[in-house]
Amino acid sequence: MAYEGNQSAEQPGGGIGGLLGVVRRYCRALYGFTLGVSVLTAVLGCAIVGGGFAATWDAFERVRDYADRNIANEDSYVAYADGGLDPLVRVGFVVLVLLLVLGLLVVTVLHTAYAVGDAHATRDGGPLTVREVWRRTRRRFPAALAVNALTGLAVGAVVMAGLVLFSLVDGNKVPGVETTPLGETASWQYTLVGWVLPIAIWCLGPLLYSRLALATAETVLERRSPFVALYRSWVLTRRARWYTFGLGALGMVAAVVVFVLGRYAAAPLDHPVGLGMLWLNDDNVWMTGVLVKILPTAVALLLLPPVVMPLVCAVFARLHGDLRAHEEREESNKTAAPA
């Protein structure tokens, strides 16, 4: 690994070779654990979404009755009018929050498990089982959860800042910047403030995540408190800023690619699942339309834990081991140097 400054290109833990060795040696335990987490995630995710549909069943029935009355009277109507949208929005917000919490739990447990596996391999601890991975993971899971929650809040704040700026510009609420009229060329002010600046802000998300991604391994392996672990991750990655940013960017690109491909792959499921929902809800096209709309996205998100997360978690666990070893060697050299 190439460190910044005048540091030599050392690989204390074996770099990519060490990563591949860990994955190959403990593939059954680590990936078996990942598959178990992925299956549980799918079950809980489906339960949350199913609960959301159950909670809005009556609301969707009222939406259908309102639309049917207007159609029978040959009146024009607007979908979800007459207060039909409010209960759906409230339940949708609760479902979204629960899914975000579920995602946080999944990211935390996988980062923790791969940090445990990498540390076990570094110590040459012998065979590793799924049961042992879980036993070691749950010891520091609360601290790791706090670390990932803080990291998510920091990255989410960056993403939200870009969204707020984009929405303000799009709503003509930024002085001196007006939206582009239909059929005309965008002004340089709108292009700069409405597109370039939000994209630049969003790019800070992977950078910030990569600088804080080692905090889980730090709190799990070094018994750091969550805030200290975040600080230590920032300090450790300081010597390899662009390397860690590259890893974060590659992880984000991999997630986007898998997500897009997953949505396309899940598109054929819309028809049979839609027919099943129509049979279940007595031909309520409004409820069925919502399910068909979210189905490809749901399937694509469920593919991320078993496909993308193992590589991302293993890479950052190995990077933590490399940077920690390099730091300890530097401190040892300073101590051994003559006064």
Foldseek 3Di string as FASTA:
>chain_A
DDWPDPDDPDFVCCAVNNLVVLCVQQVCQLLVLLVVLLVVLLVVLVVLVVVLCVQCLVLLVVQVVVVVVCVVVVHDDDRCPPVSCVVNVVSVVVSVVVNVVSVLLLLLLSLLLLLVSSVCVVVVVDHDHNVNSVVLSVVQSVQSSVLSVVLCVVLVVLLVVLVVQLVCLQVVNDPPHHDDPPPDDHDPVCCVRNPVVSVVSNLVSLLSCLLQVLLSSCCSVVVDGSVVSSVVSNVLCVRVSVVSSVLSVVLVVVLVVLLVVQLVVCLVVLVVVLVVVCVVSVNSVVSSVVCSVCVSNSRSVSVCSSPRSNVSSSNSSSSSVRSVVVVVVVVVCVVPDDD
